[in-house]
Amino acid sequence: MATLFTKIIEGEIPGHFVWQDDRCVAFLVIDPITDGHTIVVPRQEVDQWLDADPDLLHHLTSVAQHIGLAQRAAFEAPRVSLLTAGFEVPHLHLHVFPITGEADISFAQATRGQDQTLLAEQADRLRCALRDLGHGEAVPAS
């Protein structure tokens, strides 16, 4: 059975994509901890990071770093957090989100049911920053 993330990747469920390549995608989280909260997800269904092929994991963290640099620029964040959790969906995903302090690193801080218009605006900001950093080939139009 396809995971929720596979359904988003295949377009069965809408998502605010900021990165797409042959190995992974990245899209904004619907219940973000901070503005611009993004997850990097492999196209291949892998349960957790310990199960990932080292080359795939390297690719995912490289993409996460590109997104983090774009988040720092787009949201003027002093730091960007990288977190793996994954109990809610059995499909490896890396959370990348701008933070102003360690208190921001808590799922208890998540905004439930974020406004889709706001998410779309944040995705646009992030796509622009990724293009400015030279990653236009992996950045979808919208």
N, C-alpha and C. Protein backbone atom coordinates (compact mmCIF):
# COMPACT_ATOMS: atom_id res chain seq x y z
N MET A 1 0.85 -1.19 0.00
CA MET A 1 0.00 0.00 0.00
C MET A 1 0.89 1.24 0.00
N ALA A 2 0.58 2.17 -0.86
CA ALA A 2 1.36 3.40 -0.99
C ALA A 2 1.23 4.26 0.26
N THR A 3 2.34 4.89 0.65
CA THR A 3 2.31 5.78 1.81
C THR A 3 1.67 7.11 1.42
N LEU A 4 1.33 7.88 2.42
CA LEU A 4 0.79 9.22 2.20
C LEU A 4 1.76 10.04 1.34
N PHE A 5 3.06 9.91 1.61
CA PHE A 5 4.03 10.69 0.84
C PHE A 5 4.11 10.23 -0.61
N THR A 6 3.97 8.94 -0.85
CA THR A 6 3.94 8.45 -2.23
C THR A 6 2.74 9.03 -2.96
N LYS A 7 1.62 9.12 -2.28
CA LYS A 7 0.42 9.70 -2.90
C LYS A 7 0.63 11.18 -3.23
N ILE A 8 1.36 11.89 -2.37
CA ILE A 8 1.69 13.30 -2.66
C ILE A 8 2.66 13.37 -3.85
N ILE A 9 3.68 12.54 -3.83
CA ILE A 9 4.67 12.51 -4.92
C ILE A 9 3.99 12.23 -6.26
N GLU A 10 3.03 11.31 -6.27
CA GLU A 10 2.35 10.92 -7.51
C GLU A 10 1.21 11.86 -7.89
N GLY A 11 0.95 12.91 -7.08
CA GLY A 11 -0.05 13.90 -7.41
C GLY A 11 -1.47 13.54 -7.02
N GLU A 12 -1.64 12.45 -6.29
CA GLU A 12 -2.98 12.06 -5.83
C GLU A 12 -3.48 12.99 -4.73
N ILE A 13 -2.53 13.56 -4.00
CA ILE A 13 -2.81 14.52 -2.92
C ILE A 13 -1.97 15.75 -3.24
N PRO A 14 -2.53 16.96 -3.16
CA PRO A 14 -1.75 18.15 -3.51
C PRO A 14 -0.63 18.42 -2.50
N GLY A 15 0.41 19.05 -2.99
CA GLY A 15 1.53 19.45 -2.14
C GLY A 15 2.18 20.70 -2.69
N HIS A 16 2.87 21.43 -1.83
CA HIS A 16 3.59 22.65 -2.22
C HIS A 16 5.06 22.26 -2.42
N PHE A 17 5.39 21.79 -3.61
CA PHE A 17 6.73 21.29 -3.93
C PHE A 17 7.71 22.44 -4.14
N VAL A 18 8.93 22.24 -3.61
CA VAL A 18 10.00 23.21 -3.81
C VAL A 18 11.21 22.55 -4.48
N TRP A 19 11.23 21.22 -4.56
CA TRP A 19 12.34 20.49 -5.17
C TRP A 19 11.81 19.20 -5.75
N GLN A 20 12.29 18.86 -6.95
CA GLN A 20 11.96 17.58 -7.58
C GLN A 20 13.14 17.14 -8.42
N ASP A 21 13.64 15.94 -8.16
CA ASP A 21 14.64 15.33 -9.02
C ASP A 21 14.30 13.86 -9.16
N ASP A 22 15.17 13.09 -9.80
CA ASP A 22 14.85 11.69 -10.06
C ASP A 22 14.89 10.81 -8.82
N ARG A 23 15.47 11.29 -7.72
CA ARG A 23 15.60 10.47 -6.52
C ARG A 23 14.74 10.94 -5.35
N CYS A 24 14.39 12.24 -5.32
CA CYS A 24 13.62 12.75 -4.19
C CYS A 24 12.81 13.97 -4.56
N VAL A 25 11.96 14.34 -3.63
CA VAL A 25 11.19 15.58 -3.73
C VAL A 25 11.26 16.27 -2.38
N ALA A 26 10.87 17.54 -2.38
CA ALA A 26 10.74 18.28 -1.12
C ALA A 26 9.50 19.15 -1.24
N PHE A 27 8.73 19.17 -0.17
CA PHE A 27 7.51 19.98 -0.15
C PHE A 27 7.26 20.49 1.25
N LEU A 28 6.46 21.57 1.32
CA LEU A 28 6.16 22.16 2.61
C LEU A 28 5.23 21.25 3.42
N VAL A 29 5.40 21.29 4.72
CA VAL A 29 4.62 20.51 5.66
C VAL A 29 3.28 21.22 5.90
N ILE A 30 2.19 20.46 5.96
CA ILE A 30 0.88 21.11 6.16
C ILE A 30 0.67 21.58 7.60
N ASP A 31 1.40 21.01 8.54
CA ASP A 31 1.35 21.44 9.94
C ASP A 31 2.77 21.88 10.35
N PRO A 32 3.22 23.04 9.88
CA PRO A 32 4.61 23.44 10.07
C PRO A 32 4.94 23.88 11.50
N ILE A 33 6.18 23.63 11.87
CA ILE A 33 6.70 24.13 13.15
C ILE A 33 7.05 25.61 13.00
N THR A 34 7.68 25.95 11.88
CA THR A 34 8.03 27.35 11.58
C THR A 34 7.70 27.61 10.10
N ASP A 35 7.71 28.89 9.71
CA ASP A 35 7.49 29.25 8.32
C ASP A 35 8.56 28.57 7.45
N GLY A 36 8.13 28.01 6.33
CA GLY A 36 9.05 27.38 5.41
C GLY A 36 9.42 25.93 5.75
N HIS A 37 8.80 25.37 6.78
CA HIS A 37 9.09 23.99 7.20
C HIS A 37 8.86 23.04 6.02
N THR A 38 9.90 22.34 5.63
CA THR A 38 9.90 21.50 4.44
C THR A 38 10.36 20.10 4.81
N ILE A 39 9.85 19.10 4.08
CA ILE A 39 10.41 17.75 4.23
C ILE A 39 11.00 17.30 2.90
N VAL A 40 12.11 16.58 3.01
CA VAL A 40 12.78 15.97 1.87
C VAL A 40 12.46 14.48 1.93
N VAL A 41 11.88 13.97 0.84
CA VAL A 41 11.34 12.61 0.83
C VAL A 41 11.89 11.85 -0.39
N PRO A 42 12.44 10.66 -0.18
CA PRO A 42 12.86 9.89 -1.36
C PRO A 42 11.64 9.39 -2.13
N ARG A 43 11.79 9.29 -3.43
CA ARG A 43 10.71 8.72 -4.24
C ARG A 43 10.51 7.25 -3.89
N GLN A 44 11.58 6.58 -3.60
CA GLN A 44 11.53 5.17 -3.18
C GLN A 44 10.96 5.10 -1.76
N GLU A 45 10.06 4.18 -1.52
CA GLU A 45 9.50 4.02 -0.18
C GLU A 45 10.51 3.27 0.70
N VAL A 46 11.13 4.02 1.59
CA VAL A 46 12.07 3.50 2.57
C VAL A 46 11.48 3.85 3.92
N ASP A 47 11.39 2.89 4.83
CA ASP A 47 10.72 3.12 6.10
C ASP A 47 11.40 4.19 6.96
N GLN A 48 12.70 4.05 7.19
CA GLN A 48 13.41 5.00 8.05
C GLN A 48 14.84 5.17 7.57
N TRP A 49 15.51 6.17 8.10
CA TRP A 49 16.83 6.52 7.59
C TRP A 49 17.85 5.39 7.75
N LEU A 50 17.70 4.56 8.76
CA LEU A 50 18.63 3.45 8.95
C LEU A 50 18.51 2.40 7.85
N ASP A 51 17.38 2.37 7.16
CA ASP A 51 17.14 1.41 6.09
C ASP A 51 17.58 1.93 4.72
N ALA A 52 17.98 3.18 4.64
CA ALA A 52 18.32 3.79 3.36
C ALA A 52 19.71 3.38 2.90
N ASP A 53 19.84 3.22 1.61
CA ASP A 53 21.15 3.02 1.00
C ASP A 53 22.00 4.26 1.30
N PRO A 54 23.27 4.09 1.67
CA PRO A 54 24.10 5.26 2.00
C PRO A 54 24.14 6.33 0.90
N ASP A 55 24.14 5.91 -0.36
CA ASP A 55 24.16 6.88 -1.45
C ASP A 55 22.87 7.70 -1.48
N LEU A 56 21.73 7.05 -1.25
CA LEU A 56 20.45 7.77 -1.19
C LEU A 56 20.45 8.73 -0.01
N LEU A 57 20.90 8.27 1.13
CA LEU A 57 20.93 9.14 2.32
C LEU A 57 21.83 10.35 2.08
N HIS A 58 22.94 10.14 1.42
CA HIS A 58 23.82 11.26 1.08
C HIS A 58 23.09 12.26 0.18
N HIS A 59 22.38 11.76 -0.81
CA HIS A 59 21.64 12.64 -1.71
C HIS A 59 20.58 13.44 -0.95
N LEU A 60 19.84 12.76 -0.07
CA LEU A 60 18.79 13.44 0.69
C LEU A 60 19.37 14.53 1.58
N THR A 61 20.48 14.26 2.24
CA THR A 61 21.07 15.29 3.11
C THR A 61 21.66 16.43 2.30
N SER A 62 22.16 16.13 1.11
CA SER A 62 22.67 17.19 0.24
C SER A 62 21.53 18.11 -0.19
N VAL A 63 20.41 17.53 -0.60
CA VAL A 63 19.24 18.33 -0.97
C VAL A 63 18.74 19.12 0.25
N ALA A 64 18.72 18.48 1.42
CA ALA A 64 18.29 19.16 2.64
C ALA A 64 19.19 20.37 2.93
N GLN A 65 20.48 20.23 2.67
CA GLN A 65 21.39 21.35 2.89
C GLN A 65 21.09 22.50 1.92
N HIS A 66 20.84 22.19 0.66
CA HIS A 66 20.47 23.24 -0.31
C HIS A 66 19.20 23.96 0.15
N ILE A 67 18.23 23.19 0.60
CA ILE A 67 16.97 23.78 1.07
C ILE A 67 17.21 24.61 2.32
N GLY A 68 18.03 24.12 3.22
CA GLY A 68 18.35 24.88 4.44
C GLY A 68 19.01 26.22 4.13
N LEU A 69 19.93 26.23 3.18
CA LEU A 69 20.57 27.49 2.78
C LEU A 69 19.54 28.45 2.19
N ALA A 70 18.62 27.92 1.40
CA ALA A 70 17.56 28.76 0.83
C ALA A 70 16.62 29.27 1.92
N GLN A 71 16.30 28.43 2.90
CA GLN A 71 15.44 28.85 4.00
C GLN A 71 16.11 29.97 4.80
N ARG A 72 17.39 29.80 5.07
CA ARG A 72 18.11 30.84 5.82
C ARG A 72 18.02 32.18 5.10
N ALA A 73 18.15 32.16 3.78
CA ALA A 73 18.06 33.40 3.01
C ALA A 73 16.62 33.90 2.93
N ALA A 74 15.68 33.04 2.62
CA ALA A 74 14.29 33.46 2.39
C ALA A 74 13.58 33.89 3.66
N PHE A 75 13.93 33.28 4.79
CA PHE A 75 13.21 33.57 6.04
C PHE A 75 14.10 34.25 7.08
N GLU A 76 15.31 34.67 6.66
CA GLU A 76 16.25 35.39 7.51
C GLU A 76 16.42 34.71 8.87
N ALA A 77 16.66 33.40 8.81
CA ALA A 77 16.79 32.59 10.03
C ALA A 77 18.26 32.50 10.45
N PRO A 78 18.53 32.64 11.75
CA PRO A 78 19.90 32.48 12.22
C PRO A 78 20.40 31.03 12.16
N ARG A 79 19.46 30.07 12.20
CA ARG A 79 19.80 28.66 12.14
C ARG A 79 18.71 27.92 11.37
N VAL A 80 19.07 26.74 10.88
CA VAL A 80 18.12 25.84 10.24
C VAL A 80 18.30 24.47 10.86
N SER A 81 17.20 23.86 11.25
CA SER A 81 17.24 22.55 11.90
C SER A 81 17.03 21.44 10.87
N LEU A 82 17.70 20.31 11.09
CA LEU A 82 17.51 19.10 10.30
C LEU A 82 17.14 18.00 11.28
N LEU A 83 16.00 17.36 11.04
CA LEU A 83 15.46 16.41 12.00
C LEU A 83 14.85 15.22 11.27
N THR A 84 15.11 14.03 11.77
CA THR A 84 14.38 12.86 11.30
C THR A 84 13.49 12.42 12.45
N ALA A 85 12.28 12.10 12.16
CA ALA A 85 11.35 11.59 13.17
C ALA A 85 10.67 10.40 12.53
N GLY A 86 9.48 10.59 12.01
CA GLY A 86 8.90 9.61 11.13
C GLY A 86 7.99 8.56 11.70
N PHE A 87 7.47 8.74 12.89
CA PHE A 87 6.52 7.77 13.39
C PHE A 87 5.15 7.91 12.72
N GLU A 88 4.83 9.11 12.27
CA GLU A 88 3.49 9.35 11.71
C GLU A 88 3.31 8.79 10.30
N VAL A 89 4.38 8.71 9.51
CA VAL A 89 4.32 8.15 8.16
C VAL A 89 5.52 7.22 7.99
N PRO A 90 5.28 5.96 7.64
CA PRO A 90 6.39 5.00 7.49
C PRO A 90 7.12 5.16 6.15
N HIS A 91 7.62 6.37 5.92
CA HIS A 91 8.34 6.70 4.68
C HIS A 91 9.38 7.73 5.09
N LEU A 92 10.64 7.38 4.94
CA LEU A 92 11.74 8.26 5.32
C LEU A 92 11.49 9.69 4.88
N HIS A 93 11.70 10.63 5.79
CA HIS A 93 11.61 12.04 5.43
C HIS A 93 12.46 12.86 6.40
N LEU A 94 13.13 13.84 5.85
CA LEU A 94 13.97 14.74 6.62
C LEU A 94 13.25 16.07 6.77
N HIS A 95 13.04 16.49 8.02
CA HIS A 95 12.43 17.80 8.29
C HIS A 95 13.54 18.85 8.24
N VAL A 96 13.32 19.91 7.48
CA VAL A 96 14.25 21.03 7.39
C VAL A 96 13.43 22.28 7.67
N PHE A 97 13.82 23.03 8.71
CA PHE A 97 13.02 24.22 9.04
C PHE A 97 13.86 25.28 9.72
N PRO A 98 13.58 26.56 9.36
CA PRO A 98 14.29 27.68 9.96
C PRO A 98 13.93 27.81 11.43
N ILE A 99 14.92 28.14 12.25
CA ILE A 99 14.66 28.32 13.68
C ILE A 99 15.37 29.57 14.20
N THR A 100 14.81 30.10 15.28
CA THR A 100 15.45 31.23 15.95
C THR A 100 16.05 30.81 17.29
N GLY A 101 15.73 29.60 17.74
CA GLY A 101 16.27 29.07 18.98
C GLY A 101 15.84 27.63 19.17
N GLU A 102 16.41 26.97 20.15
CA GLU A 102 16.10 25.56 20.38
C GLU A 102 14.65 25.31 20.75
N ALA A 103 13.97 26.30 21.29
CA ALA A 103 12.55 26.13 21.61
C ALA A 103 11.71 25.87 20.36
N ASP A 104 12.22 26.29 19.19
CA ASP A 104 11.50 26.07 17.93
C ASP A 104 11.52 24.60 17.50
N ILE A 105 12.39 23.79 18.10
CA ILE A 105 12.53 22.39 17.69
C ILE A 105 11.58 21.53 18.50
N SER A 106 10.30 21.69 18.26
CA SER A 106 9.29 20.93 18.98
C SER A 106 8.03 20.81 18.14
N PHE A 107 7.59 19.59 17.93
CA PHE A 107 6.37 19.38 17.17
C PHE A 107 5.15 19.92 17.92
N ALA A 108 5.29 20.17 19.21
CA ALA A 108 4.20 20.78 19.97
C ALA A 108 3.94 22.21 19.50
N GLN A 109 4.94 22.82 18.84
CA GLN A 109 4.81 24.19 18.33
C GLN A 109 4.13 24.25 16.97
N ALA A 110 3.83 23.10 16.37
CA ALA A 110 3.29 23.06 15.01
C ALA A 110 1.95 23.77 14.90
N THR A 111 1.80 24.49 13.80
CA THR A 111 0.53 25.12 13.46
C THR A 111 -0.33 24.08 12.79
N ARG A 112 -1.46 23.76 13.35
CA ARG A 112 -2.34 22.73 12.79
C ARG A 112 -3.22 23.34 11.70
N GLY A 113 -3.23 22.68 10.54
CA GLY A 113 -4.09 23.14 9.45
C GLY A 113 -3.70 24.50 8.91
N GLN A 114 -2.42 24.68 8.62
CA GLN A 114 -1.93 25.96 8.12
C GLN A 114 -2.71 26.40 6.87
N ASP A 115 -2.94 27.68 6.76
CA ASP A 115 -3.64 28.27 5.61
C ASP A 115 -2.87 27.94 4.33
N GLN A 116 -3.56 27.38 3.34
CA GLN A 116 -2.93 26.96 2.08
C GLN A 116 -2.36 28.14 1.29
N THR A 117 -2.98 29.29 1.37
CA THR A 117 -2.47 30.48 0.68
C THR A 117 -1.12 30.88 1.27
N LEU A 118 -1.01 30.83 2.59
CA LEU A 118 0.25 31.15 3.25
C LEU A 118 1.33 30.13 2.88
N LEU A 119 0.98 28.85 2.85
CA LEU A 119 1.95 27.83 2.44
C LEU A 119 2.41 28.06 1.01
N ALA A 120 1.49 28.42 0.13
CA ALA A 120 1.85 28.68 -1.27
C ALA A 120 2.82 29.86 -1.37
N GLU A 121 2.58 30.91 -0.59
CA GLU A 121 3.48 32.08 -0.57
C GLU A 121 4.86 31.68 -0.05
N GLN A 122 4.91 30.88 1.00
CA GLN A 122 6.19 30.43 1.56
C GLN A 122 6.93 29.54 0.56
N ALA A 123 6.20 28.67 -0.14
CA ALA A 123 6.82 27.82 -1.15
C ALA A 123 7.41 28.67 -2.27
N ASP A 124 6.70 29.72 -2.69
CA ASP A 124 7.22 30.63 -3.72
C ASP A 124 8.52 31.29 -3.26
N ARG A 125 8.54 31.76 -2.03
CA ARG A 125 9.76 32.39 -1.49
C ARG A 125 10.93 31.40 -1.51
N LEU A 126 10.65 30.18 -1.11
CA LEU A 126 11.70 29.17 -1.05
C LEU A 126 12.17 28.77 -2.46
N ARG A 127 11.24 28.62 -3.40
CA ARG A 127 11.63 28.31 -4.78
C ARG A 127 12.50 29.42 -5.36
N CYS A 128 12.14 30.67 -5.10
CA CYS A 128 12.95 31.80 -5.59
C CYS A 128 14.36 31.76 -5.00
N ALA A 129 14.45 31.49 -3.72
CA ALA A 129 15.77 31.42 -3.06
C ALA A 129 16.59 30.26 -3.61
N LEU A 130 15.96 29.12 -3.86
CA LEU A 130 16.68 27.98 -4.45
C LEU A 130 17.18 28.31 -5.85
N ARG A 131 16.37 29.00 -6.64
CA ARG A 131 16.82 29.42 -7.97
C ARG A 131 17.99 30.39 -7.87
N ASP A 132 17.89 31.33 -6.93
CA ASP A 132 18.96 32.32 -6.73
C ASP A 132 20.27 31.63 -6.34
N LEU A 133 20.18 30.48 -5.67
CA LEU A 133 21.37 29.73 -5.26
C LEU A 133 21.87 28.78 -6.35
N GLY A 134 21.23 28.81 -7.53
CA GLY A 134 21.70 28.05 -8.66
C GLY A 134 21.11 26.67 -8.83
N HIS A 135 19.96 26.42 -8.21
CA HIS A 135 19.35 25.08 -8.28
C HIS A 135 18.07 25.06 -9.11
N GLY A 136 17.98 25.93 -10.10
CA GLY A 136 16.77 26.05 -10.90
C GLY A 136 16.35 24.77 -11.60
N GLU A 137 17.32 23.90 -11.94
CA GLU A 137 16.96 22.67 -12.65
C GLU A 137 16.11 21.73 -11.81
N ALA A 138 16.18 21.84 -10.49
CA ALA A 138 15.40 20.96 -9.60
C ALA A 138 14.19 21.65 -9.00
N VAL A 139 14.00 22.91 -9.31
CA VAL A 139 12.91 23.69 -8.71
C VAL A 139 11.71 23.71 -9.64
N PRO A 140 10.56 23.16 -9.19
CA PRO A 140 9.37 23.18 -10.03
C PRO A 140 8.81 24.60 -10.18
N ALA A 141 8.04 24.82 -11.23
CA ALA A 141 7.45 26.13 -11.48
C ALA A 141 6.55 26.56 -10.32
N SER A 142 5.75 25.64 -9.81
CA SER A 142 4.89 25.93 -8.65
C SER A 142 4.40 24.65 -8.04
